[in-house]
Amino acid sequence: RACMGKGFQDFFSSIDADIFAIQESKMQEGQLKLELPDYKQYWNFA
């Protein structure tokens, strides 16, 4: 959520990855709706 305010979405779009993984998301289900067209999303929450 903090990274979203620091350019995450722009980087995600520009890098054009086949698979993009993140660690230390620091969130629970429903706290952020990430709009990533053409990507399947899989989350594992603490």
ModelCIF file with pLDDT and N, C-alpha, C, O atoms, coordinates in Angstrom:
data_MODEL
#
_entry.id   MODEL 
#
_entity.id                         1 
_entity.type                       polymer 
_entity.pdbx_number_of_molecules   1 
#
_entity_poly.entity_id                      1 
_entity_poly.type                           'polypeptide(L)' 
_entity_poly.nstd_linkage                   no 
_entity_poly.nstd_monomer                   no 
_entity_poly.pdbx_seq_one_letter_code       RACMGKGFQDFFSSIDADIFAIQESKMQEGQLKLELPDYKQYWNFA 
_entity_poly.pdbx_seq_one_letter_code_can   RACMGKGFQDFFSSIDADIFAIQESKMQEGQLKLELPDYKQYWNFA 
_entity_poly.pdbx_strand_id                 A 
#
loop_
_entity_poly_seq.entity_id 
_entity_poly_seq.num 
_entity_poly_seq.mon_id 
_entity_poly_seq.hetero 
1 1  ARG n 
1 2  ALA n 
1 3  CYS n 
1 4  MET n 
1 5  GLY n 
1 6  LYS n 
1 7  GLY n 
1 8  PHE n 
1 9  GLN n 
1 10 ASP n 
1 11 PHE n 
1 12 PHE n 
1 13 SER n 
1 14 SER n 
1 15 ILE n 
1 16 ASP n 
1 17 ALA n 
1 18 ASP n 
1 19 ILE n 
1 20 PHE n 
1 21 ALA n 
1 22 ILE n 
1 23 GLN n 
1 24 GLU n 
1 25 SER n 
1 26 LYS n 
1 27 MET n 
1 28 GLN n 
1 29 GLU n 
1 30 GLY n 
1 31 GLN n 
1 32 LEU n 
1 33 LYS n 
1 34 LEU n 
1 35 GLU n 
1 36 LEU n 
1 37 PRO n 
1 38 ASP n 
1 39 TYR n 
1 40 LYS n 
1 41 GLN n 
1 42 TYR n 
1 43 TRP n 
1 44 ASN n 
1 45 PHE n 
1 46 ALA n 
#
_struct_asym.id          A 
_struct_asym.entity_id   1 
#
loop_
_ma_qa_metric.id 
_ma_qa_metric.mode 
_ma_qa_metric.name 
_ma_qa_metric.software_group_id 
_ma_qa_metric.type 
1 global pLDDT . pLDDT 
2 local  pLDDT . pLDDT 
#
_ma_qa_metric_global.metric_id      1 
_ma_qa_metric_global.metric_value   97.07 
_ma_qa_metric_global.model_id       1 
_ma_qa_metric_global.ordinal_id     1 
#
loop_
_ma_qa_metric_local.label_asym_id 
_ma_qa_metric_local.label_comp_id 
_ma_qa_metric_local.label_seq_id 
_ma_qa_metric_local.metric_id 
_ma_qa_metric_local.metric_value 
_ma_qa_metric_local.model_id 
_ma_qa_metric_local.ordinal_id 
A ARG 1  2 97.00 1 1  
A ALA 2  2 97.00 1 2  
A CYS 3  2 98.00 1 3  
A MET 4  2 97.00 1 4  
A GLY 5  2 97.00 1 5  
A LYS 6  2 97.00 1 6  
A GLY 7  2 97.00 1 7  
A PHE 8  2 98.00 1 8  
A GLN 9  2 97.00 1 9  
A ASP 10 2 97.00 1 10 
A PHE 11 2 98.00 1 11 
A PHE 12 2 98.00 1 12 
A SER 13 2 97.00 1 13 
A SER 14 2 98.00 1 14 
A ILE 15 2 98.00 1 15 
A ASP 16 2 98.00 1 16 
A ALA 17 2 98.00 1 17 
A ASP 18 2 98.00 1 18 
A ILE 19 2 99.00 1 19 
A PHE 20 2 99.00 1 20 
A ALA 21 2 99.00 1 21 
A ILE 22 2 98.00 1 22 
A GLN 23 2 98.00 1 23 
A GLU 24 2 98.00 1 24 
A SER 25 2 98.00 1 25 
A LYS 26 2 98.00 1 26 
A MET 27 2 97.00 1 27 
A GLN 28 2 96.00 1 28 
A GLU 29 2 96.00 1 29 
A GLY 30 2 94.00 1 30 
A GLN 31 2 96.00 1 31 
A LEU 32 2 95.00 1 32 
A LYS 33 2 92.00 1 33 
A LEU 34 2 95.00 1 34 
A GLU 35 2 93.00 1 35 
A LEU 36 2 96.00 1 36 
A PRO 37 2 93.00 1 37 
A ASP 38 2 96.00 1 38 
A TYR 39 2 98.00 1 39 
A LYS 40 2 98.00 1 40 
A GLN 41 2 98.00 1 41 
A TYR 42 2 98.00 1 42 
A TRP 43 2 98.00 1 43 
A ASN 44 2 98.00 1 44 
A PHE 45 2 98.00 1 45 
A ALA 46 2 98.00 1 46 
#
loop_
_atom_site.group_PDB 
_atom_site.id 
_atom_site.type_symbol 
_atom_site.label_atom_id 
_atom_site.label_alt_id 
_atom_site.label_comp_id 
_atom_site.label_asym_id 
_atom_site.label_entity_id 
_atom_site.label_seq_id 
_atom_site.pdbx_PDB_ins_code 
_atom_site.Cartn_x 
_atom_site.Cartn_y 
_atom_site.Cartn_z 
_atom_site.occupancy 
_atom_site.B_iso_or_equiv 
_atom_site.pdbx_formal_charge 
_atom_site.auth_seq_id 
_atom_site.auth_comp_id 
_atom_site.auth_asym_id 
_atom_site.auth_atom_id 
_atom_site.pdbx_PDB_model_num 
ATOM 1   N N  . ARG A 1 1  ? 0.834  -1.210  0.000   1.00 97.00 ? 1  ARG A N  1 
ATOM 2   C CA . ARG A 1 1  ? 0.000  0.000   0.000   1.00 97.00 ? 1  ARG A CA 1 
ATOM 3   C C  . ARG A 1 1  ? 0.865  1.254   0.000   1.00 97.00 ? 1  ARG A C  1 
ATOM 4   O O  . ARG A 1 1  ? 0.556  2.224   -0.692  1.00 97.00 ? 1  ARG A O  1 
ATOM 5   N N  . ALA A 1 2  ? 1.942  1.238   0.771   1.00 97.00 ? 2  ALA A N  1 
ATOM 6   C CA . ALA A 1 2  ? 2.876  2.369   0.755   1.00 97.00 ? 2  ALA A CA 1 
ATOM 7   C C  . ALA A 1 2  ? 3.577  2.465   -0.598  1.00 97.00 ? 2  ALA A C  1 
ATOM 8   O O  . ALA A 1 2  ? 3.761  3.559   -1.132  1.00 97.00 ? 2  ALA A O  1 
ATOM 9   N N  . CYS A 1 3  ? 3.963  1.323   -1.143  1.00 98.00 ? 3  CYS A N  1 
ATOM 10  C CA . CYS A 1 3  ? 4.683  1.311   -2.420  1.00 98.00 ? 3  CYS A CA 1 
ATOM 11  C C  . CYS A 1 3  ? 3.809  1.820   -3.564  1.00 98.00 ? 3  CYS A C  1 
ATOM 12  O O  . CYS A 1 3  ? 4.310  2.396   -4.529  1.00 98.00 ? 3  CYS A O  1 
ATOM 13  N N  . MET A 1 4  ? 2.503  1.603   -3.449  1.00 97.00 ? 4  MET A N  1 
ATOM 14  C CA . MET A 1 4  ? 1.588  2.115   -4.478  1.00 97.00 ? 4  MET A CA 1 
ATOM 15  C C  . MET A 1 4  ? 1.685  3.636   -4.588  1.00 97.00 ? 4  MET A C  1 
ATOM 16  O O  . MET A 1 4  ? 1.495  4.197   -5.667  1.00 97.00 ? 4  MET A O  1 
ATOM 17  N N  . GLY A 1 5  ? 1.978  4.295   -3.478  1.00 97.00 ? 5  GLY A N  1 
ATOM 18  C CA . GLY A 1 5  ? 2.128  5.741   -3.482  1.00 97.00 ? 5  GLY A CA 1 
ATOM 19  C C  . GLY A 1 5  ? 3.506  6.213   -3.903  1.00 97.00 ? 5  GLY A C  1 
ATOM 20  O O  . GLY A 1 5  ? 3.785  7.411   -3.943  1.00 97.00 ? 5  GLY A O  1 
ATOM 21  N N  . LYS A 1 6  ? 4.376  5.238   -4.222  1.00 97.00 ? 6  LYS A N  1 
ATOM 22  C CA . LYS A 1 6  ? 5.759  5.574   -4.603  1.00 97.00 ? 6  LYS A CA 1 
ATOM 23  C C  . LYS A 1 6  ? 6.106  5.045   -5.991  1.00 97.00 ? 6  LYS A C  1 
ATOM 24  O O  . LYS A 1 6  ? 7.276  4.829   -6.309  1.00 97.00 ? 6  LYS A O  1 
ATOM 25  N N  . GLY A 1 7  ? 5.061  4.834   -6.827  1.00 97.00 ? 7  GLY A N  1 
ATOM 26  C CA . GLY A 1 7  ? 5.323  4.498   -8.220  1.00 97.00 ? 7  GLY A CA 1 
ATOM 27  C C  . GLY A 1 7  ? 5.221  3.041   -8.600  1.00 97.00 ? 7  GLY A C  1 
ATOM 28  O O  . GLY A 1 7  ? 5.632  2.660   -9.697  1.00 97.00 ? 7  GLY A O  1 
ATOM 29  N N  . PHE A 1 8  ? 4.673  2.201   -7.704  1.00 98.00 ? 8  PHE A N  1 
ATOM 30  C CA . PHE A 1 8  ? 4.600  0.770   -8.026  1.00 98.00 ? 8  PHE A CA 1 
ATOM 31  C C  . PHE A 1 8  ? 3.872  0.512   -9.330  1.00 98.00 ? 8  PHE A C  1 
ATOM 32  O O  . PHE A 1 8  ? 4.362  -0.230  -10.182 1.00 98.00 ? 8  PHE A O  1 
ATOM 33  N N  . GLN A 1 9  ? 2.708  1.116   -9.492  1.00 97.00 ? 9  GLN A N  1 
ATOM 34  C CA . GLN A 1 9  ? 1.880  0.835   -10.666 1.00 97.00 ? 9  GLN A CA 1 
ATOM 35  C C  . GLN A 1 9  ? 2.599  1.221   -11.955 1.00 97.00 ? 9  GLN A C  1 
ATOM 36  O O  . GLN A 1 9  ? 2.530  0.495   -12.947 1.00 97.00 ? 9  GLN A O  1 
ATOM 37  N N  . ASP A 1 10 ? 3.289  2.365   -11.943 1.00 97.00 ? 10 ASP A N  1 
ATOM 38  C CA . ASP A 1 10 ? 4.025  2.799   -13.141 1.00 97.00 ? 10 ASP A CA 1 
ATOM 39  C C  . ASP A 1 10 ? 5.136  1.816   -13.472 1.00 97.00 ? 10 ASP A C  1 
ATOM 40  O O  . ASP A 1 10 ? 5.329  1.460   -14.634 1.00 97.00 ? 10 ASP A O  1 
ATOM 41  N N  . PHE A 1 11 ? 5.865  1.376   -12.455 1.00 98.00 ? 11 PHE A N  1 
ATOM 42  C CA . PHE A 1 11 ? 6.926  0.405   -12.704 1.00 98.00 ? 11 PHE A CA 1 
ATOM 43  C C  . PHE A 1 11 ? 6.357  -0.905  -13.217 1.00 98.00 ? 11 PHE A C  1 
ATOM 44  O O  . PHE A 1 11 ? 6.875  -1.488  -14.170 1.00 98.00 ? 11 PHE A O  1 
ATOM 45  N N  . PHE A 1 12 ? 5.288  -1.363  -12.581 1.00 98.00 ? 12 PHE A N  1 
ATOM 46  C CA . PHE A 1 12 ? 4.674  -2.625  -13.009 1.00 98.00 ? 12 PHE A CA 1 
ATOM 47  C C  . PHE A 1 12 ? 4.306  -2.571  -14.488 1.00 98.00 ? 12 PHE A C  1 
ATOM 48  O O  . PHE A 1 12 ? 4.593  -3.500  -15.244 1.00 98.00 ? 12 PHE A O  1 
ATOM 49  N N  . SER A 1 13 ? 3.679  -1.494  -14.885 1.00 97.00 ? 13 SER A N  1 
ATOM 50  C CA . SER A 1 13 ? 3.245  -1.363  -16.279 1.00 97.00 ? 13 SER A CA 1 
ATOM 51  C C  . SER A 1 13 ? 4.433  -1.274  -17.229 1.00 97.00 ? 13 SER A C  1 
ATOM 52  O O  . SER A 1 13 ? 4.406  -1.864  -18.309 1.00 97.00 ? 13 SER A O  1 
ATOM 53  N N  . SER A 1 14 ? 5.467  -0.549  -16.842 1.00 98.00 ? 14 SER A N  1 
ATOM 54  C CA . SER A 1 14 ? 6.592  -0.321  -17.751 1.00 98.00 ? 14 SER A CA 1 
ATOM 55  C C  . SER A 1 14 ? 7.480  -1.544  -17.908 1.00 98.00 ? 14 SER A C  1 
ATOM 56  O O  . SER A 1 14 ? 8.077  -1.736  -18.967 1.00 98.00 ? 14 SER A O  1 
ATOM 57  N N  . ILE A 1 15 ? 7.582  -2.381  -16.870 1.00 98.00 ? 15 ILE A N  1 
ATOM 58  C CA . ILE A 1 15 ? 8.518  -3.506  -16.929 1.00 98.00 ? 15 ILE A CA 1 
ATOM 59  C C  . ILE A 1 15 ? 7.973  -4.657  -17.765 1.00 98.00 ? 15 ILE A C  1 
ATOM 60  O O  . ILE A 1 15 ? 8.747  -5.446  -18.308 1.00 98.00 ? 15 ILE A O  1 
ATOM 61  N N  . ASP A 1 16 ? 6.639  -4.764  -17.876 1.00 98.00 ? 16 ASP A N  1 
ATOM 62  C CA . ASP A 1 16 ? 6.018  -5.723  -18.796 1.00 98.00 ? 16 ASP A CA 1 
ATOM 63  C C  . ASP A 1 16 ? 6.495  -7.160  -18.546 1.00 98.00 ? 16 ASP A C  1 
ATOM 64  O O  . ASP A 1 16 ? 6.934  -7.853  -19.463 1.00 98.00 ? 16 ASP A O  1 
ATOM 65  N N  . ALA A 1 17 ? 6.397  -7.585  -17.288 1.00 98.00 ? 17 ALA A N  1 
ATOM 66  C CA . ALA A 1 17 ? 6.876  -8.917  -16.916 1.00 98.00 ? 17 ALA A CA 1 
ATOM 67  C C  . ALA A 1 17 ? 5.857  -9.994  -17.259 1.00 98.00 ? 17 ALA A C  1 
ATOM 68  O O  . ALA A 1 17 ? 4.656  -9.731  -17.314 1.00 98.00 ? 17 ALA A O  1 
ATOM 69  N N  . ASP A 1 18 ? 6.347  -11.207 -17.488 1.00 98.00 ? 18 ASP A N  1 
ATOM 70  C CA . ASP A 1 18 ? 5.467  -12.360 -17.631 1.00 98.00 ? 18 ASP A CA 1 
ATOM 71  C C  . ASP A 1 18 ? 4.946  -12.807 -16.270 1.00 98.00 ? 18 ASP A C  1 
ATOM 72  O O  . ASP A 1 18 ? 3.776  -13.161 -16.124 1.00 98.00 ? 18 ASP A O  1 
ATOM 73  N N  . ILE A 1 19 ? 5.834  -12.783 -15.277 1.00 99.00 ? 19 ILE A N  1 
ATOM 74  C CA . ILE A 1 19 ? 5.439  -13.064 -13.893 1.00 99.00 ? 19 ILE A CA 1 
ATOM 75  C C  . ILE A 1 19 ? 6.108  -12.020 -13.012 1.00 99.00 ? 19 ILE A C  1 
ATOM 76  O O  . ILE A 1 19 ? 7.286  -11.708 -13.185 1.00 99.00 ? 19 ILE A O  1 
ATOM 77  N N  . PHE A 1 20 ? 5.349  -11.487 -12.070 1.00 99.00 ? 20 PHE A N  1 
ATOM 78  C CA . PHE A 1 20 ? 5.844  -10.456 -11.156 1.00 99.00 ? 20 PHE A CA 1 
ATOM 79  C C  . PHE A 1 20 ? 5.474  -10.902 -9.744  1.00 99.00 ? 20 PHE A C  1 
ATOM 80  O O  . PHE A 1 20 ? 4.297  -11.081 -9.431  1.00 99.00 ? 20 PHE A O  1 
ATOM 81  N N  . ALA A 1 21 ? 6.482  -11.079 -8.898  1.00 99.00 ? 21 ALA A N  1 
ATOM 82  C CA . ALA A 1 21 ? 6.255  -11.536 -7.522  1.00 99.00 ? 21 ALA A CA 1 
ATOM 83  C C  . ALA A 1 21 ? 6.649  -10.447 -6.541  1.00 99.00 ? 21 ALA A C  1 
ATOM 84  O O  . ALA A 1 21 ? 7.602  -9.704  -6.776  1.00 99.00 ? 21 ALA A O  1 
ATOM 85  N N  . ILE A 1 22 ? 5.914  -10.354 -5.444  1.00 98.00 ? 22 ILE A N  1 
ATOM 86  C CA . ILE A 1 22 ? 6.276  -9.416  -4.385  1.00 98.00 ? 22 ILE A CA 1 
ATOM 87  C C  . ILE A 1 22 ? 6.364  -10.149 -3.056  1.00 98.00 ? 22 ILE A C  1 
ATOM 88  O O  . ILE A 1 22 ? 5.745  -11.192 -2.847  1.00 98.00 ? 22 ILE A O  1 
ATOM 89  N N  . GLN A 1 23 ? 7.156  -9.564  -2.169  1.00 98.00 ? 23 GLN A N  1 
ATOM 90  C CA . GLN A 1 23 ? 7.259  -10.043 -0.792  1.00 98.00 ? 23 GLN A CA 1 
ATOM 91  C C  . GLN A 1 23 ? 7.006  -8.861  0.152   1.00 98.00 ? 23 GLN A C  1 
ATOM 92  O O  . GLN A 1 23 ? 7.111  -7.694  -0.225  1.00 98.00 ? 23 GLN A O  1 
ATOM 93  N N  . GLU A 1 24 ? 6.675  -9.214  1.375   1.00 98.00 ? 24 GLU A N  1 
ATOM 94  C CA . GLU A 1 24 ? 6.395  -8.250  2.438   1.00 98.00 ? 24 GLU A CA 1 
ATOM 95  C C  . GLU A 1 24 ? 5.277  -7.289  2.012   1.00 98.00 ? 24 GLU A C  1 
ATOM 96  O O  . GLU A 1 24 ? 5.437  -6.068  2.033   1.00 98.00 ? 24 GLU A O  1 
ATOM 97  N N  . SER A 1 25 ? 4.154  -7.875  1.630   1.00 98.00 ? 25 SER A N  1 
ATOM 98  C CA . SER A 1 25 ? 2.996  -7.074  1.209   1.00 98.00 ? 25 SER A CA 1 
ATOM 99  C C  . SER A 1 25 ? 2.390  -6.298  2.371   1.00 98.00 ? 25 SER A C  1 
ATOM 100 O O  . SER A 1 25 ? 1.841  -5.214  2.172   1.00 98.00 ? 25 SER A O  1 
ATOM 101 N N  . LYS A 1 26 ? 2.483  -6.836  3.573   1.00 98.00 ? 26 LYS A N  1 
ATOM 102 C CA . LYS A 1 26 ? 2.017  -6.165  4.797   1.00 98.00 ? 26 LYS A CA 1 
ATOM 103 C C  . LYS A 1 26 ? 0.545  -5.747  4.712   1.00 98.00 ? 26 LYS A C  1 
ATOM 104 O O  . LYS A 1 26 ? 0.198  -4.619  5.063   1.00 98.00 ? 26 LYS A O  1 
ATOM 105 N N  . MET A 1 27 ? -0.302 -6.639  4.255   1.00 97.00 ? 27 MET A N  1 
ATOM 106 C CA . MET A 1 27 ? -1.731 -6.308  4.175   1.00 97.00 ? 27 MET A CA 1 
ATOM 107 C C  . MET A 1 27 ? -2.569 -7.554  4.354   1.00 97.00 ? 27 MET A C  1 
ATOM 108 O O  . MET A 1 27 ? -2.074 -8.679  4.286   1.00 97.00 ? 27 MET A O  1 
ATOM 109 N N  . GLN A 1 28 ? -3.847 -7.327  4.584   1.00 96.00 ? 28 GLN A N  1 
ATOM 110 C CA . GLN A 1 28 ? -4.812 -8.408  4.685   1.00 96.00 ? 28 GLN A CA 1 
ATOM 111 C C  . GLN A 1 28 ? -5.723 -8.350  3.462   1.00 96.00 ? 28 GLN A C  1 
ATOM 112 O O  . GLN A 1 28 ? -5.771 -7.356  2.738   1.00 96.00 ? 28 GLN A O  1 
ATOM 113 N N  . GLU A 1 29 ? -6.432 -9.435  3.263   1.00 96.00 ? 29 GLU A N  1 
ATOM 114 C CA . GLU A 1 29 ? -7.351 -9.502  2.127   1.00 96.00 ? 29 GLU A CA 1 
ATOM 115 C C  . GLU A 1 29 ? -8.384 -8.378  2.223   1.00 96.00 ? 29 GLU A C  1 
ATOM 116 O O  . GLU A 1 29 ? -8.969 -8.136  3.279   1.00 96.00 ? 29 GLU A O  1 
ATOM 117 N N  . GLY A 1 30 ? -8.590 -7.701  1.097   1.00 94.00 ? 30 GLY A N  1 
ATOM 118 C CA . GLY A 1 30 ? -9.585 -6.636  1.026   1.00 94.00 ? 30 GLY A CA 1 
ATOM 119 C C  . GLY A 1 30 ? -9.067 -5.251  1.339   1.00 94.00 ? 30 GLY A C  1 
ATOM 120 O O  . GLY A 1 30 ? -9.805 -4.275  1.200   1.00 94.00 ? 30 GLY A O  1 
ATOM 121 N N  . GLN A 1 31 ? -7.803 -5.136  1.765   1.00 96.00 ? 31 GLN A N  1 
ATOM 122 C CA . GLN A 1 31 ? -7.267 -3.817  2.109   1.00 96.00 ? 31 GLN A CA 1 
ATOM 123 C C  . GLN A 1 31 ? -6.789 -3.034  0.894   1.00 96.00 ? 31 GLN A C  1 
ATOM 124 O O  . GLN A 1 31 ? -6.570 -1.825  0.979   1.00 96.00 ? 31 GLN A O  1 
ATOM 125 N N  . LEU A 1 32 ? -6.626 -3.713  -0.231  1.00 95.00 ? 32 LEU A N  1 
ATOM 126 C CA . LEU A 1 32 ? -6.179 -3.041  -1.452  1.00 95.00 ? 32 LEU A CA 1 
ATOM 127 C C  . LEU A 1 32 ? -6.713 -3.813  -2.653  1.00 95.00 ? 32 LEU A C  1 
ATOM 128 O O  . LEU A 1 32 ? -6.611 -5.038  -2.712  1.00 95.00 ? 32 LEU A O  1 
ATOM 129 N N  . LYS A 1 33 ? -7.279 -3.090  -3.599  1.00 92.00 ? 33 LYS A N  1 
ATOM 130 C CA . LYS A 1 33 ? -7.693 -3.707  -4.853  1.00 92.00 ? 33 LYS A CA 1 
ATOM 131 C C  . LYS A 1 33 ? -6.710 -3.258  -5.919  1.00 92.00 ? 33 LYS A C  1 
ATOM 132 O O  . LYS A 1 33 ? -6.716 -2.103  -6.342  1.00 92.00 ? 33 LYS A O  1 
ATOM 133 N N  . LEU A 1 34 ? -5.874 -4.181  -6.344  1.00 95.00 ? 34 LEU A N  1 
ATOM 134 C CA . LEU A 1 34 ? -4.832 -3.880  -7.314  1.00 95.00 ? 34 LEU A CA 1 
ATOM 135 C C  . LEU A 1 34 ? -5.366 -4.167  -8.717  1.00 95.00 ? 34 LEU A C  1 
ATOM 136 O O  . LEU A 1 34 ? -5.721 -5.303  -9.034  1.00 95.00 ? 34 LEU A O  1 
ATOM 137 N N  . GLU A 1 35 ? -5.419 -3.142  -9.542  1.00 93.00 ? 35 GLU A N  1 
ATOM 138 C CA . GLU A 1 35 ? -5.913 -3.281  -10.916 1.00 93.00 ? 35 GLU A CA 1 
ATOM 139 C C  . GLU A 1 35 ? -4.739 -3.630  -11.828 1.00 93.00 ? 35 GLU A C  1 
ATOM 140 O O  . GLU A 1 35 ? -3.925 -2.773  -12.169 1.00 93.00 ? 35 GLU A O  1 
ATOM 141 N N  . LEU A 1 36 ? -4.668 -4.894  -12.213 1.00 96.00 ? 36 LEU A N  1 
ATOM 142 C CA . LEU A 1 36 ? -3.588 -5.367  -13.077 1.00 96.00 ? 36 LEU A CA 1 
ATOM 143 C C  . LEU A 1 36 ? -4.204 -6.141  -14.245 1.00 96.00 ? 36 LEU A C  1 
ATOM 144 O O  . LEU A 1 36 ? -4.240 -7.371  -14.219 1.00 96.00 ? 36 LEU A O  1 
ATOM 145 N N  . PRO A 1 37 ? -4.680 -5.443  -15.249 1.00 93.00 ? 37 PRO A N  1 
ATOM 146 C CA . PRO A 1 37 ? -5.321 -6.117  -16.382 1.00 93.00 ? 37 PRO A CA 1 
ATOM 147 C C  . PRO A 1 37 ? -4.388 -7.150  -17.013 1.00 93.00 ? 37 PRO A C  1 
ATOM 148 O O  . PRO A 1 37 ? -3.182 -6.931  -17.124 1.00 93.00 ? 37 PRO A O  1 
ATOM 149 N N  . ASP A 1 38 ? -4.961 -8.266  -17.419 1.00 96.00 ? 38 ASP A N  1 
ATOM 150 C CA . ASP A 1 38 ? -4.245 -9.353  -18.096 1.00 96.00 ? 38 ASP A CA 1 
ATOM 151 C C  . ASP A 1 38 ? -3.403 -10.208 -17.162 1.00 96.00 ? 38 ASP A C  1 
ATOM 152 O O  . ASP A 1 38 ? -2.683 -11.092 -17.626 1.00 96.00 ? 38 ASP A O  1 
ATOM 153 N N  . TYR A 1 39 ? -3.476 -9.966  -15.848 1.00 98.00 ? 39 TYR A N  1 
ATOM 154 C CA . TYR A 1 39 ? -2.720 -10.783 -14.896 1.00 98.00 ? 39 TYR A CA 1 
ATOM 155 C C  . TYR A 1 39 ? -3.656 -11.469 -13.915 1.00 98.00 ? 39 TYR A C  1 
ATOM 156 O O  . TYR A 1 39 ? -4.614 -10.878 -13.417 1.00 98.00 ? 39 TYR A O  1 
ATOM 157 N N  . LYS A 1 40 ? -3.352 -12.729 -13.654 1.00 98.00 ? 40 LYS A N  1 
ATOM 158 C CA . LYS A 1 40 ? -3.980 -13.454 -12.553 1.00 98.00 ? 40 LYS A CA 1 
ATOM 159 C C  . LYS A 1 40 ? -3.237 -13.091 -11.266 1.00 98.00 ? 40 LYS A C  1 
ATOM 160 O O  . LYS A 1 40 ? -2.012 -12.966 -11.271 1.00 98.00 ? 40 LYS A O  1 
ATOM 161 N N  . GLN A 1 41 ? -3.969 -12.922 -10.173 1.00 98.00 ? 41 GLN A N  1 
ATOM 162 C CA . GLN A 1 41 ? -3.353 -12.533 -8.905  1.00 98.00 ? 41 GLN A CA 1 
ATOM 163 C C  . GLN A 1 41 ? -3.504 -13.648 -7.867  1.00 98.00 ? 41 GLN A C  1 
ATOM 164 O O  . GLN A 1 41 ? -4.580 -14.225 -7.712  1.00 98.00 ? 41 GLN A O  1 
ATOM 165 N N  . TYR A 1 42 ? -2.417 -13.939 -7.167  1.00 98.00 ? 42 TYR A N  1 
ATOM 166 C CA . TYR A 1 42 ? -2.427 -14.943 -6.108  1.00 98.00 ? 42 TYR A CA 1 
ATOM 167 C C  . TYR A 1 42 ? -1.728 -14.349 -4.882  1.00 98.00 ? 42 TYR A C  1 
ATOM 168 O O  . TYR A 1 42 ? -0.565 -13.952 -4.949  1.00 98.00 ? 42 TYR A O  1 
ATOM 169 N N  . TRP A 1 43 ? -2.451 -14.294 -3.769  1.00 98.00 ? 43 TRP A N  1 
ATOM 170 C CA . TRP A 1 43 ? -1.971 -13.655 -2.546  1.00 98.00 ? 43 TRP A CA 1 
ATOM 171 C C  . TRP A 1 43 ? -1.912 -14.666 -1.409  1.00 98.00 ? 43 TRP A C  1 
ATOM 172 O O  . TRP A 1 43 ? -2.775 -15.534 -1.282  1.00 98.00 ? 43 TRP A O  1 
ATOM 173 N N  . ASN A 1 44 ? -0.880 -14.536 -0.591  1.00 98.00 ? 44 ASN A N  1 
ATOM 174 C CA . ASN A 1 44 ? -0.789 -15.315 0.643   1.00 98.00 ? 44 ASN A CA 1 
ATOM 175 C C  . ASN A 1 44 ? -0.587 -14.326 1.785   1.00 98.00 ? 44 ASN A C  1 
ATOM 176 O O  . ASN A 1 44 ? 0.478  -13.723 1.914   1.00 98.00 ? 44 ASN A O  1 
ATOM 177 N N  . PHE A 1 45 ? -1.617 -14.164 2.609   1.00 98.00 ? 45 PHE A N  1 
ATOM 178 C CA . PHE A 1 45 ? -1.603 -13.168 3.678   1.00 98.00 ? 45 PHE A CA 1 
ATOM 179 C C  . PHE A 1 45 ? -1.176 -13.805 4.995   1.00 98.00 ? 45 PHE A C  1 
ATOM 180 O O  . PHE A 1 45 ? -1.505 -14.957 5.277   1.00 98.00 ? 45 PHE A O  1 
ATOM 181 N N  . ALA A 1 46 ? -0.441 -13.042 5.795   1.00 98.00 ? 46 ALA A N  1 
ATOM 182 C CA . ALA A 1 46 ? -0.124 -13.485 7.143   1.00 98.00 ? 46 ALA A CA 1 
ATOM 183 C C  . ALA A 1 46 ? -1.354 -13.355 8.026   1.00 98.00 ? 46 ALA A C  1 
ATOM 184 O O  . ALA A 1 46 ? -1.300 -13.679 9.213   1.00 98.00 ? 46 ALA A O  1 
#
